Protein backbone atom coordinates (compact mmCIF):
# COMPACT_ATOMS: atom_id res chain seq x y z
CA UNK A 1 86.85 118.75 111.62
CA UNK A 2 87.86 121.12 108.81
CA UNK A 3 85.49 120.99 105.86
CA UNK A 4 87.13 123.70 103.74
CA UNK A 5 90.57 124.74 102.49
CA UNK A 6 90.90 128.22 101.00
CA UNK A 7 94.61 128.03 100.17
CA UNK A 8 95.93 125.21 97.99
CA UNK A 9 98.24 125.02 94.98
CA UNK A 10 98.56 122.62 92.05
CA UNK A 11 101.40 121.37 89.90
CA UNK A 12 102.64 122.43 87.35
CA UNK A 13 100.97 125.85 87.68
CA UNK A 14 102.69 126.49 91.04
CA UNK A 15 106.22 125.23 91.57
CA UNK A 16 105.57 124.83 95.31
CA UNK A 17 102.98 122.08 94.67
CA UNK A 18 103.38 118.40 93.92
CA UNK A 19 99.81 117.39 92.99
CA UNK A 20 97.81 118.00 89.83
CA UNK A 21 94.30 119.46 90.07
CA UNK A 22 92.82 115.97 89.68
CA UNK A 23 95.04 114.50 92.40
CA UNK A 24 94.28 117.36 94.79
CA UNK A 25 90.52 117.10 94.29
CA UNK A 26 90.58 113.35 94.95
CA UNK A 27 92.67 113.84 98.09
CA UNK A 28 90.51 116.58 99.60
CA UNK A 29 87.36 114.60 98.82
CA UNK A 30 88.76 111.60 100.71
CA UNK A 31 89.62 113.91 103.61
CA UNK A 32 86.02 115.11 103.81
CA UNK A 33 86.73 118.64 102.62
CA UNK A 34 83.65 120.08 100.90
CA UNK A 35 84.93 123.52 99.83
CA UNK A 36 88.24 124.06 98.04
CA UNK A 37 90.03 127.13 96.70
CA UNK A 38 93.05 126.72 94.43
CA UNK A 39 95.39 129.73 94.69
CA UNK A 40 98.15 129.13 92.16
CA UNK A 41 100.84 131.80 91.95
CA UNK A 42 100.68 134.43 89.18
CA UNK A 43 98.51 132.44 86.77
CA UNK A 44 94.99 131.40 85.90
CA UNK A 45 96.18 128.89 83.30
CA UNK A 46 94.49 125.99 85.09
CA UNK A 47 91.01 127.39 84.46
CA UNK A 48 88.75 125.71 81.92
CA UNK A 49 87.56 127.83 79.05
């Protein structure tokens, strides 16, 4: 079983992704993934201030 994913992307920050941050977090939680890294291309605009 994989309990981490160190390479994911979110929409709209990365045009290769189809899920928002919220959707991705819900999906990985349901899959049993405990550690997640979001690696959007050329931006940090999804970070909270």
